[in-house]
Amino acid sequence: MKRRTLHPEASADSAETSLCKALLAMRDVGEMRAFLHDLCTPAELESLVDRWTVVPYVLKGVPYREIHEHTAVSITTIGRVARFLNQGNGGYRKAAARTARRRVGA
C-alpha cells in the first residue's frame, strides 16, 4: 500500500470513511457503475470484477482449477478471495448474502 504524508486534518482513516460514504451515496446500479468507471482505471475495475465473480464459486466450495476454467480468473486471485472470505473482515460474505437475498426477493 502506498504510504505518504497527509495533512494533519486529512487522516487516511477519514479519507477512507469519505470514500465509503461516497459509495453508499450511489442510489442505483447505474450511478454506482458511473462512479466506479470514474474512480477506477479499467485494470482496477477488471480486478474488482474478477474478485467478485469468483466469490459465489468459492462459497460453494468449487475447486480453484474449476473456478479458473469457468471464469478465466487466475488461481492466485481465487486464492486471495478465498483467504479473505475465511480470514478477512466479513465484507465479501455480507455482500454475497445481501445480493443473494435481493435476487431471491426480486
PDB file of N, CA and C in Angstrom:
ATOM      1  N   MET A   1       0.836  -1.174   0.000  1.00  0.00           N
ATOM      2  CA  MET A   1       0.000   0.000   0.000  1.00  0.00           C
ATOM      3  C   MET A   1       0.882   1.239   0.000  1.00  0.00           C
ATOM      4  N   LYS A   2       0.463   2.234  -0.743  1.00  0.00           N
ATOM      5  CA  LYS A   2       1.225   3.468  -0.853  1.00  0.00           C
ATOM      6  C   LYS A   2       1.197   4.224   0.477  1.00  0.00           C
ATOM      7  N   ARG A   3       2.348   4.666   0.929  1.00  0.00           N
ATOM      8  CA  ARG A   3       2.450   5.472   2.152  1.00  0.00           C
ATOM      9  C   ARG A   3       2.835   6.888   1.762  1.00  0.00           C
ATOM     10  N   ARG A   4       2.177   7.837   2.348  1.00  0.00           N
ATOM     11  CA  ARG A   4       2.519   9.228   2.083  1.00  0.00           C
ATOM     12  C   ARG A   4       2.141  10.072   3.282  1.00  0.00           C
ATOM     13  N   THR A   5       2.724  11.219   3.350  1.00  0.00           N
ATOM     14  CA  THR A   5       2.411  12.129   4.433  1.00  0.00           C
ATOM     15  C   THR A   5       1.135  12.883   4.080  1.00  0.00           C
ATOM     16  N   LEU A   6       0.194  12.834   4.997  1.00  0.00           N
ATOM     17  CA  LEU A   6      -1.069  13.535   4.789  1.00  0.00           C
ATOM     18  C   LEU A   6      -1.107  14.784   5.654  1.00  0.00           C
ATOM     19  N   HIS A   7      -1.897  15.718   5.230  1.00  0.00           N
ATOM     20  CA  HIS A   7      -2.113  16.894   6.067  1.00  0.00           C
ATOM     21  C   HIS A   7      -2.745  16.440   7.368  1.00  0.00           C
ATOM     22  N   PRO A   8      -2.397  17.050   8.480  1.00  0.00           N
ATOM     23  CA  PRO A   8      -2.925  16.603   9.771  1.00  0.00           C
ATOM     24  C   PRO A   8      -4.456  16.519   9.813  1.00  0.00           C
ATOM     25  N   GLU A   9      -5.127  17.399   9.081  1.00  0.00           N
ATOM     26  CA  GLU A   9      -6.592  17.399   9.117  1.00  0.00           C
ATOM     27  C   GLU A   9      -7.209  16.329   8.213  1.00  0.00           C
ATOM     28  N   ALA A  10      -6.392  15.643   7.421  1.00  0.00           N
ATOM     29  CA  ALA A  10      -6.903  14.638   6.488  1.00  0.00           C
ATOM     30  C   ALA A  10      -6.220  13.297   6.742  1.00  0.00           C
ATOM     31  N   SER A  11      -6.680  12.585   7.749  1.00  0.00           N
ATOM     32  CA  SER A  11      -6.080  11.291   8.058  1.00  0.00           C
ATOM     33  C   SER A  11      -6.502  10.255   7.018  1.00  0.00           C
ATOM     34  N   ALA A  12      -5.726   9.184   6.924  1.00  0.00           N
ATOM     35  CA  ALA A  12      -6.058   8.102   5.996  1.00  0.00           C
ATOM     36  C   ALA A  12      -7.411   7.504   6.350  1.00  0.00           C
ATOM     37  N   ASP A  13      -7.706   7.405   7.649  1.00  0.00           N
ATOM     38  CA  ASP A  13      -8.986   6.844   8.081  1.00  0.00           C
ATOM     39  C   ASP A  13     -10.146   7.726   7.639  1.00  0.00           C
ATOM     40  N   SER A  14     -10.002   9.031   7.752  1.00  0.00           N
ATOM     41  CA  SER A  14     -11.106   9.906   7.341  1.00  0.00           C
ATOM     42  C   SER A  14     -11.268   9.907   5.823  1.00  0.00           C
ATOM     43  N   ALA A  15     -10.178   9.751   5.090  1.00  0.00           N
ATOM     44  CA  ALA A  15     -10.269   9.667   3.634  1.00  0.00           C
ATOM     45  C   ALA A  15     -10.978   8.371   3.224  1.00  0.00           C
ATOM     46  N   GLU A  16     -10.670   7.269   3.916  1.00  0.00           N
ATOM     47  CA  GLU A  16     -11.346   6.008   3.636  1.00  0.00           C
ATOM     48  C   GLU A  16     -12.829   6.106   3.992  1.00  0.00           C
ATOM     49  N   THR A  17     -13.128   6.730   5.101  1.00  0.00           N
ATOM     50  CA  THR A  17     -14.530   6.924   5.504  1.00  0.00           C
ATOM     51  C   THR A  17     -15.265   7.761   4.476  1.00  0.00           C
ATOM     52  N   SER A  18     -14.622   8.788   3.961  1.00  0.00           N
ATOM     53  CA  SER A  18     -15.224   9.636   2.936  1.00  0.00           C
ATOM     54  C   SER A  18     -15.536   8.837   1.677  1.00  0.00           C
ATOM     55  N   LEU A  19     -14.620   7.962   1.266  1.00  0.00           N
ATOM     56  CA  LEU A  19     -14.856   7.108   0.106  1.00  0.00           C
ATOM     57  C   LEU A  19     -16.033   6.167   0.370  1.00  0.00           C
ATOM     58  N   CYS A  20     -16.073   5.567   1.538  1.00  0.00           N
ATOM     59  CA  CYS A  20     -17.190   4.677   1.885  1.00  0.00           C
ATOM     60  C   CYS A  20     -18.519   5.425   1.811  1.00  0.00           C
ATOM     61  N   LYS A  21     -18.552   6.634   2.301  1.00  0.00           N
ATOM     62  CA  LYS A  21     -19.780   7.438   2.251  1.00  0.00           C
ATOM     63  C   LYS A  21     -20.173   7.758   0.813  1.00  0.00           C
ATOM     64  N   ALA A  22     -19.180   8.033  -0.028  1.00  0.00           N
ATOM     65  CA  ALA A  22     -19.470   8.312  -1.434  1.00  0.00           C
ATOM     66  C   ALA A  22     -20.057   7.077  -2.117  1.00  0.00           C
ATOM     67  N   LEU A  23     -19.505   5.897  -1.821  1.00  0.00           N
ATOM     68  CA  LEU A  23     -20.051   4.649  -2.384  1.00  0.00           C
ATOM     69  C   LEU A  23     -21.483   4.436  -1.913  1.00  0.00           C
ATOM     70  N   LEU A  24     -21.730   4.662  -0.659  1.00  0.00           N
ATOM     71  CA  LEU A  24     -23.080   4.498  -0.111  1.00  0.00           C
ATOM     72  C   LEU A  24     -24.077   5.525  -0.649  1.00  0.00           C
ATOM     73  N   ALA A  25     -23.573   6.642  -1.150  1.00  0.00           N
ATOM     74  CA  ALA A  25     -24.454   7.693  -1.669  1.00  0.00           C
ATOM     75  C   ALA A  25     -25.039   7.352  -3.042  1.00  0.00           C
ATOM     76  N   MET A  26     -24.469   6.375  -3.725  1.00  0.00           N
ATOM     77  CA  MET A  26     -24.996   5.995  -5.031  1.00  0.00           C
ATOM     78  C   MET A  26     -26.355   5.321  -4.844  1.00  0.00           C
ATOM     79  N   ARG A  27     -27.322   5.700  -5.679  1.00  0.00           N
ATOM     80  CA  ARG A  27     -28.706   5.260  -5.462  1.00  0.00           C
ATOM     81  C   ARG A  27     -29.115   4.027  -6.247  1.00  0.00           C
ATOM     82  N   ASP A  28     -28.374   3.706  -7.306  1.00  0.00           N
ATOM     83  CA  ASP A  28     -28.744   2.533  -8.092  1.00  0.00           C
ATOM     84  C   ASP A  28     -27.512   2.016  -8.840  1.00  0.00           C
ATOM     85  N   VAL A  29     -27.711   0.916  -9.544  1.00  0.00           N
ATOM     86  CA  VAL A  29     -26.595   0.284 -10.255  1.00  0.00           C
ATOM     87  C   VAL A  29     -25.988   1.230 -11.283  1.00  0.00           C
ATOM     88  N   GLY A  30     -26.812   1.977 -11.977  1.00  0.00           N
ATOM     89  CA  GLY A  30     -26.293   2.909 -12.982  1.00  0.00           C
ATOM     90  C   GLY A  30     -25.393   3.966 -12.375  1.00  0.00           C
ATOM     91  N   GLU A  31     -25.818   4.546 -11.254  1.00  0.00           N
ATOM     92  CA  GLU A  31     -24.978   5.540 -10.580  1.00  0.00           C
ATOM     93  C   GLU A  31     -23.687   4.921 -10.079  1.00  0.00           C
ATOM     94  N   MET A  32     -23.790   3.712  -9.506  1.00  0.00           N
ATOM     95  CA  MET A  32     -22.591   3.051  -8.989  1.00  0.00           C
ATOM     96  C   MET A  32     -21.640   2.712 -10.125  1.00  0.00           C
ATOM     97  N   ARG A  33     -22.177   2.231 -11.230  1.00  0.00           N
ATOM     98  CA  ARG A  33     -21.328   1.897 -12.387  1.00  0.00           C
ATOM     99  C   ARG A  33     -20.584   3.159 -12.863  1.00  0.00           C
ATOM    100  N   ALA A  34     -21.304   4.269 -12.995  1.00  0.00           N
ATOM    101  CA  ALA A  34     -20.677   5.517 -13.445  1.00  0.00           C
ATOM    102  C   ALA A  34     -19.577   5.954 -12.473  1.00  0.00           C
ATOM    103  N   PHE A  35     -19.863   5.857 -11.178  1.00  0.00           N
ATOM    104  CA  PHE A  35     -18.876   6.253 -10.173  1.00  0.00           C
ATOM    105  C   PHE A  35     -17.638   5.361 -10.254  1.00  0.00           C
ATOM    106  N   LEU A  36     -17.852   4.045 -10.342  1.00  0.00           N
ATOM    107  CA  LEU A  36     -16.710   3.132 -10.421  1.00  0.00           C
ATOM    108  C   LEU A  36     -15.880   3.360 -11.682  1.00  0.00           C
ATOM    109  N   HIS A  37     -16.536   3.653 -12.791  1.00  0.00           N
ATOM    110  CA  HIS A  37     -15.793   3.914 -14.033  1.00  0.00           C
ATOM    111  C   HIS A  37     -15.000   5.211 -13.945  1.00  0.00           C
ATOM    112  N   ASP A  38     -15.510   6.177 -13.191  1.00  0.00           N
ATOM    113  CA  ASP A  38     -14.761   7.413 -12.973  1.00  0.00           C
ATOM    114  C   ASP A  38     -13.626   7.215 -11.965  1.00  0.00           C
ATOM    115  N   LEU A  39     -13.872   6.405 -10.962  1.00  0.00           N
ATOM    116  CA  LEU A  39     -12.932   6.227  -9.856  1.00  0.00           C
ATOM    117  C   LEU A  39     -11.766   5.313 -10.218  1.00  0.00           C
ATOM    118  N   CYS A  40     -12.035   4.254 -10.956  1.00  0.00           N
ATOM    119  CA  CYS A  40     -11.043   3.200 -11.200  1.00  0.00           C
ATOM    120  C   CYS A  40     -10.516   3.234 -12.628  1.00  0.00           C
ATOM    121  N   THR A  41      -9.280   2.776 -12.778  1.00  0.00           N
ATOM    122  CA  THR A  41      -8.765   2.534 -14.114  1.00  0.00           C
ATOM    123  C   THR A  41      -9.452   1.278 -14.640  1.00  0.00           C
ATOM    124  N   PRO A  42      -9.427   1.044 -15.950  1.00  0.00           N
ATOM    125  CA  PRO A  42     -10.004  -0.209 -16.463  1.00  0.00           C
ATOM    126  C   PRO A  42      -9.395  -1.451 -15.811  1.00  0.00           C
ATOM    127  N   ALA A  43      -8.100  -1.444 -15.559  1.00  0.00           N
ATOM    128  CA  ALA A  43      -7.446  -2.596 -14.926  1.00  0.00           C
ATOM    129  C   ALA A  43      -7.917  -2.777 -13.479  1.00  0.00           C
ATOM    130  N   GLU A  44      -8.067  -1.672 -12.752  1.00  0.00           N
ATOM    131  CA  GLU A  44      -8.554  -1.763 -11.374  1.00  0.00           C
ATOM    132  C   GLU A  44      -9.978  -2.304 -11.330  1.00  0.00           C
ATOM    133  N   LEU A  45     -10.807  -1.820 -12.226  1.00  0.00           N
ATOM    134  CA  LEU A  45     -12.190  -2.280 -12.273  1.00  0.00           C
ATOM    135  C   LEU A  45     -12.252  -3.755 -12.660  1.00  0.00           C
ATOM    136  N   GLU A  46     -11.432  -4.155 -13.621  1.00  0.00           N
ATOM    137  CA  GLU A  46     -11.386  -5.559 -14.016  1.00  0.00           C
ATOM    138  C   GLU A  46     -10.973  -6.438 -12.835  1.00  0.00           C
ATOM    139  N   SER A  47     -10.030  -5.976 -12.054  1.00  0.00           N
ATOM    140  CA  SER A  47      -9.578  -6.719 -10.881  1.00  0.00           C
ATOM    141  C   SER A  47     -10.710  -6.871  -9.862  1.00  0.00           C
ATOM    142  N   LEU A  48     -11.446  -5.802  -9.620  1.00  0.00           N
ATOM    143  CA  LEU A  48     -12.587  -5.865  -8.691  1.00  0.00           C
ATOM    144  C   LEU A  48     -13.648  -6.831  -9.202  1.00  0.00           C
ATOM    145  N   VAL A  49     -13.950  -6.743 -10.490  1.00  0.00           N
ATOM    146  CA  VAL A  49     -14.952  -7.624 -11.092  1.00  0.00           C
ATOM    147  C   VAL A  49     -14.497  -9.080 -11.005  1.00  0.00           C
ATOM    148  N   ASP A  50     -13.228  -9.346 -11.297  1.00  0.00           N
ATOM    149  CA  ASP A  50     -12.702 -10.708 -11.196  1.00  0.00           C
ATOM    150  C   ASP A  50     -12.881 -11.260  -9.789  1.00  0.00           C
ATOM    151  N   ARG A  51     -12.522 -10.470  -8.793  1.00  0.00           N
ATOM    152  CA  ARG A  51     -12.635 -10.927  -7.405  1.00  0.00           C
ATOM    153  C   ARG A  51     -14.088 -11.225  -7.057  1.00  0.00           C
ATOM    154  N   TRP A  52     -14.981 -10.319  -7.427  1.00  0.00           N
ATOM    155  CA  TRP A  52     -16.391 -10.513  -7.089  1.00  0.00           C
ATOM    156  C   TRP A  52     -16.977 -11.711  -7.847  1.00  0.00           C
ATOM    157  N   THR A  53     -16.528 -11.934  -9.073  1.00  0.00           N
ATOM    158  CA  THR A  53     -17.033 -13.039  -9.889  1.00  0.00           C
ATOM    159  C   THR A  53     -16.764 -14.395  -9.242  1.00  0.00           C
ATOM    160  N   VAL A  54     -15.631 -14.550  -8.580  1.00  0.00           N
ATOM    161  CA  VAL A  54     -15.297 -15.859  -8.021  1.00  0.00           C
ATOM    162  C   VAL A  54     -15.900 -16.108  -6.645  1.00  0.00           C
ATOM    163  N   VAL A  55     -16.421 -15.084  -5.996  1.00  0.00           N
ATOM    164  CA  VAL A  55     -16.969 -15.247  -4.638  1.00  0.00           C
ATOM    165  C   VAL A  55     -18.006 -16.368  -4.559  1.00  0.00           C
ATOM    166  N   PRO A  56     -19.044 -16.388  -5.424  1.00  0.00           N
ATOM    167  CA  PRO A  56     -20.044 -17.455  -5.284  1.00  0.00           C
ATOM    168  C   PRO A  56     -19.459 -18.853  -5.454  1.00  0.00           C
ATOM    169  N   TYR A  57     -18.498 -18.998  -6.353  1.00  0.00           N
ATOM    170  CA  TYR A  57     -17.855 -20.299  -6.557  1.00  0.00           C
ATOM    171  C   TYR A  57     -17.099 -20.745  -5.304  1.00  0.00           C
ATOM    172  N   VAL A  58     -16.340 -19.822  -4.728  1.00  0.00           N
ATOM    173  CA  VAL A  58     -15.564 -20.158  -3.529  1.00  0.00           C
ATOM    174  C   VAL A  58     -16.515 -20.492  -2.379  1.00  0.00           C
ATOM    175  N   LEU A  59     -17.583 -19.727  -2.237  1.00  0.00           N
ATOM    176  CA  LEU A  59     -18.550 -20.002  -1.170  1.00  0.00           C
ATOM    177  C   LEU A  59     -19.188 -21.389  -1.323  1.00  0.00           C
ATOM    178  N   LYS A  60     -19.327 -21.845  -2.566  1.00  0.00           N
ATOM    179  CA  LYS A  60     -19.903 -23.177  -2.815  1.00  0.00           C
ATOM    180  C   LYS A  60     -18.862 -24.288  -2.684  1.00  0.00           C
ATOM    181  N   GLY A  61     -17.590 -23.911  -2.502  1.00  0.00           N
ATOM    182  CA  GLY A  61     -16.542 -24.912  -2.355  1.00  0.00           C
ATOM    183  C   GLY A  61     -16.041 -25.506  -3.658  1.00  0.00           C
ATOM    184  N   VAL A  62     -16.267 -24.802  -4.754  1.00  0.00           N
ATOM    185  CA  VAL A  62     -15.801 -25.284  -6.054  1.00  0.00           C
ATOM    186  C   VAL A  62     -14.267 -25.256  -6.067  1.00  0.00           C
ATOM    187  N   PRO A  63     -13.625 -26.305  -6.552  1.00  0.00           N
ATOM    188  CA  PRO A  63     -12.154 -26.322  -6.623  1.00  0.00           C
ATOM    189  C   PRO A  63     -11.613 -25.147  -7.464  1.00  0.00           C
ATOM    190  N   TYR A  64     -10.465 -24.653  -7.058  1.00  0.00           N
ATOM    191  CA  TYR A  64      -9.875 -23.481  -7.715  1.00  0.00           C
ATOM    192  C   TYR A  64      -9.707 -23.674  -9.215  1.00  0.00           C
ATOM    193  N   ARG A  65      -9.221 -24.818  -9.625  1.00  0.00           N
ATOM    194  CA  ARG A  65      -8.992 -25.056 -11.064  1.00  0.00           C
ATOM    195  C   ARG A  65     -10.305 -24.993 -11.834  1.00  0.00           C
ATOM    196  N   GLU A  66     -11.353 -25.519 -11.254  1.00  0.00           N
ATOM    197  CA  GLU A  66     -12.661 -25.469 -11.904  1.00  0.00           C
ATOM    198  C   GLU A  66     -13.173 -24.028 -11.966  1.00  0.00           C
ATOM    199  N   ILE A  67     -12.962 -23.261 -10.904  1.00  0.00           N
ATOM    200  CA  ILE A  67     -13.347 -21.837 -10.918  1.00  0.00           C
ATOM    201  C   ILE A  67     -12.602 -21.140 -12.048  1.00  0.00           C
ATOM    202  N   HIS A  68     -11.307 -21.414 -12.151  1.00  0.00           N
ATOM    203  CA  HIS A  68     -10.487 -20.813 -13.215  1.00  0.00           C
ATOM    204  C   HIS A  68     -11.041 -21.175 -14.589  1.00  0.00           C
ATOM    205  N   GLU A  69     -11.437 -22.431 -14.773  1.00  0.00           N
ATOM    206  CA  GLU A  69     -11.982 -22.861 -16.067  1.00  0.00           C
ATOM    207  C   GLU A  69     -13.279 -22.132 -16.411  1.00  0.00           C
ATOM    208  N   HIS A  70     -14.101 -21.852 -15.412  1.00  0.00           N
ATOM    209  CA  HIS A  70     -15.381 -21.170 -15.638  1.00  0.00           C
ATOM    210  C   HIS A  70     -15.226 -19.654 -15.816  1.00  0.00           C
ATOM    211  N   THR A  71     -14.218 -19.069 -15.152  1.00  0.00           N
ATOM    212  CA  THR A  71     -14.140 -17.604 -15.090  1.00  0.00           C
ATOM    213  C   THR A  71     -12.916 -17.002 -15.767  1.00  0.00           C
ATOM    214  N   ALA A  72     -11.876 -17.801 -16.000  1.00  0.00           N
ATOM    215  CA  ALA A  72     -10.580 -17.340 -16.513  1.00  0.00           C
ATOM    216  C   ALA A  72      -9.851 -16.436 -15.517  1.00  0.00           C
ATOM    217  N   VAL A  73     -10.309 -16.390 -14.280  1.00  0.00           N
ATOM    218  CA  VAL A  73      -9.627 -15.631 -13.229  1.00  0.00           C
ATOM    219  C   VAL A  73      -8.450 -16.475 -12.742  1.00  0.00           C
ATOM    220  N   SER A  74      -7.339 -15.817 -12.457  1.00  0.00           N
ATOM    221  CA  SER A  74      -6.133 -16.542 -12.063  1.00  0.00           C
ATOM    222  C   SER A  74      -6.323 -17.290 -10.746  1.00  0.00           C
ATOM    223  N   ILE A  75      -5.580 -18.376 -10.615  1.00  0.00           N
ATOM    224  CA  ILE A  75      -5.598 -19.175  -9.387  1.00  0.00           C
ATOM    225  C   ILE A  75      -5.153 -18.305  -8.207  1.00  0.00           C
ATOM    226  N   THR A  76      -4.194 -17.420  -8.436  1.00  0.00           N
ATOM    227  CA  THR A  76      -3.715 -16.530  -7.378  1.00  0.00           C
ATOM    228  C   THR A  76      -4.840 -15.642  -6.860  1.00  0.00           C
ATOM    229  N   THR A  77      -5.608 -15.059  -7.766  1.00  0.00           N
ATOM    230  CA  THR A  77      -6.728 -14.201  -7.361  1.00  0.00           C
ATOM    231  C   THR A  77      -7.792 -15.016  -6.644  1.00  0.00           C
ATOM    232  N   ILE A  78      -8.074 -16.204  -7.142  1.00  0.00           N
ATOM    233  CA  ILE A  78      -9.061 -17.070  -6.490  1.00  0.00           C
ATOM    234  C   ILE A  78      -8.610 -17.380  -5.061  1.00  0.00           C
ATOM    235  N   GLY A  79      -7.341 -17.701  -4.894  1.00  0.00           N
ATOM    236  CA  GLY A  79      -6.797 -17.970  -3.563  1.00  0.00           C
ATOM    237  C   GLY A  79      -6.889 -16.766  -2.649  1.00  0.00           C
ATOM    238  N   ARG A  80      -6.639 -15.589  -3.200  1.00  0.00           N
ATOM    239  CA  ARG A  80      -6.726 -14.352  -2.419  1.00  0.00           C
ATOM    240  C   ARG A  80      -8.158 -14.127  -1.937  1.00  0.00           C
ATOM    241  N   VAL A  81      -9.116 -14.323  -2.836  1.00  0.00           N
ATOM    242  CA  VAL A  81     -10.525 -14.168  -2.463  1.00  0.00           C
ATOM    243  C   VAL A  81     -10.888 -15.169  -1.373  1.00  0.00           C
ATOM    244  N   ALA A  82     -10.469 -16.416  -1.559  1.00  0.00           N
ATOM    245  CA  ALA A  82     -10.766 -17.454  -0.559  1.00  0.00           C
ATOM    246  C   ALA A  82     -10.170 -17.099   0.801  1.00  0.00           C
ATOM    247  N   ARG A  83      -8.946 -16.593   0.803  1.00  0.00           N
ATOM    248  CA  ARG A  83      -8.300 -16.212   2.062  1.00  0.00           C
ATOM    249  C   ARG A  83      -9.104 -15.112   2.762  1.00  0.00           C
ATOM    250  N   PHE A  84      -9.553 -14.113   2.012  1.00  0.00           N
ATOM    251  CA  PHE A  84     -10.310 -13.030   2.637  1.00  0.00           C
ATOM    252  C   PHE A  84     -11.717 -13.464   3.023  1.00  0.00           C
ATOM    253  N   LEU A  85     -12.284 -14.419   2.300  1.00  0.00           N
ATOM    254  CA  LEU A  85     -13.573 -14.976   2.721  1.00  0.00           C
ATOM    255  C   LEU A  85     -13.446 -15.665   4.074  1.00  0.00           C
ATOM    256  N   ASN A  86     -12.316 -16.316   4.292  1.00  0.00           N
ATOM    257  CA  ASN A  86     -12.122 -17.072   5.530  1.00  0.00           C
ATOM    258  C   ASN A  86     -11.468 -16.284   6.655  1.00  0.00           C
ATOM    259  N   GLN A  87     -10.622 -15.320   6.313  1.00  0.00           N
ATOM    260  CA  GLN A  87      -9.864 -14.623   7.355  1.00  0.00           C
ATOM    261  C   GLN A  87      -9.971 -13.109   7.257  1.00  0.00           C
ATOM    262  N   GLY A  88     -10.857 -12.615   6.433  1.00  0.00           N
ATOM    263  CA  GLY A  88     -10.970 -11.173   6.223  1.00  0.00           C
ATOM    264  C   GLY A  88     -11.889 -10.506   7.234  1.00  0.00           C
ATOM    265  N   ASN A  89     -12.525  -9.456   6.803  1.00  0.00           N
ATOM    266  CA  ASN A  89     -13.368  -8.646   7.672  1.00  0.00           C
ATOM    267  C   ASN A  89     -14.856  -8.951   7.536  1.00  0.00           C
ATOM    268  N   GLY A  90     -15.204  -9.939   6.717  1.00  0.00           N
ATOM    269  CA  GLY A  90     -16.600 -10.323   6.563  1.00  0.00           C
ATOM    270  C   GLY A  90     -17.341  -9.575   5.468  1.00  0.00           C
ATOM    271  N   GLY A  91     -16.649  -8.706   4.759  1.00  0.00           N
ATOM    272  CA  GLY A  91     -17.295  -7.910   3.725  1.00  0.00           C
ATOM    273  C   GLY A  91     -17.818  -8.720   2.552  1.00  0.00           C
ATOM    274  N   TYR A  92     -17.001  -9.640   2.058  1.00  0.00           N
ATOM    275  CA  TYR A  92     -17.448 -10.479   0.940  1.00  0.00           C
ATOM    276  C   TYR A  92     -18.702 -11.259   1.335  1.00  0.00           C
ATOM    277  N   ARG A  93     -18.671 -11.878   2.509  1.00  0.00           N
ATOM    278  CA  ARG A  93     -19.800 -12.707   2.945  1.00  0.00           C
ATOM    279  C   ARG A  93     -21.070 -11.878   3.112  1.00  0.00           C
ATOM    280  N   LYS A  94     -20.935 -10.719   3.706  1.00  0.00           N
ATOM    281  CA  LYS A  94     -22.103  -9.859   3.912  1.00  0.00           C
ATOM    282  C   LYS A  94     -22.683  -9.409   2.579  1.00  0.00           C
ATOM    283  N   ALA A  95     -21.820  -8.978   1.668  1.00  0.00           N
ATOM    284  CA  ALA A  95     -22.295  -8.535   0.352  1.00  0.00           C
ATOM    285  C   ALA A  95     -22.925  -9.683  -0.418  1.00  0.00           C
ATOM    286  N   ALA A  96     -22.309 -10.860  -0.351  1.00  0.00           N
ATOM    287  CA  ALA A  96     -22.851 -12.027  -1.057  1.00  0.00           C
ATOM    288  C   ALA A  96     -24.216 -12.398  -0.497  1.00  0.00           C
ATOM    289  N   ALA A  97     -24.357 -12.384   0.809  1.00  0.00           N
ATOM    290  CA  ALA A  97     -25.639 -12.726   1.427  1.00  0.00           C
ATOM    291  C   ALA A  97     -26.714 -11.712   1.054  1.00  0.00           C
ATOM    292  N   ARG A  98     -26.364 -10.449   1.077  1.00  0.00           N
ATOM    293  CA  ARG A  98     -27.357  -9.413   0.761  1.00  0.00           C
ATOM    294  C   ARG A  98     -27.762  -9.428  -0.704  1.00  0.00           C
ATOM    295  N   THR A  99     -26.816  -9.656  -1.595  1.00  0.00           N
ATOM    296  CA  THR A  99     -27.177  -9.694  -3.011  1.00  0.00           C
ATOM    297  C   THR A  99     -27.954 -10.955  -3.336  1.00  0.00           C
ATOM    298  N   ALA A 100     -27.678 -12.059  -2.647  1.00  0.00           N
ATOM    299  CA  ALA A 100     -28.443 -13.295  -2.847  1.00  0.00           C
ATOM    300  C   ALA A 100     -29.891 -13.095  -2.405  1.00  0.00           C
ATOM    301  N   ARG A 101     -30.096 -12.406  -1.283  1.00  0.00           N
ATOM    302  CA  ARG A 101     -31.455 -12.130  -0.805  1.00  0.00           C
ATOM    303  C   ARG A 101     -32.217 -11.271  -1.796  1.00  0.00           C
ATOM    304  N   ARG A 102     -31.549 -10.291  -2.380  1.00  0.00           N
ATOM    305  CA  ARG A 102     -32.209  -9.421  -3.365  1.00  0.00           C
ATOM    306  C   ARG A 102     -32.625 -10.194  -4.599  1.00  0.00           C
ATOM    307  N   ARG A 103     -31.757 -11.122  -5.044  1.00  0.00           N
ATOM    308  CA  ARG A 103     -32.091 -11.930  -6.218  1.00  0.00           C
ATOM    309  C   ARG A 103     -33.296 -12.817  -5.939  1.00  0.00           C
ATOM    310  N   VAL A 104     -33.347 -13.399  -4.755  1.00  0.00           N
ATOM    311  CA  VAL A 104     -34.462 -14.272  -4.380  1.00  0.00           C
ATOM    312  C   VAL A 104     -35.746 -13.468  -4.272  1.00  0.00           C
ATOM    313  N   GLY A 105     -35.654 -12.260  -3.700  1.00  0.00           N
ATOM    314  CA  GLY A 105     -36.839 -11.429  -3.492  1.00  0.00           C
ATOM    315  C   GLY A 105     -37.233 -10.608  -4.697  1.00  0.00           C
ATOM    316  N   ALA A 106     -36.431 -10.651  -5.759  1.00  0.00           N
ATOM    317  CA  ALA A 106     -36.699  -9.800  -6.926  1.00  0.00           C
ATOM    318  C   ALA A 106     -37.836 -10.315  -7.766  1.00  0.00           C
TER     319      ALA A 106
END
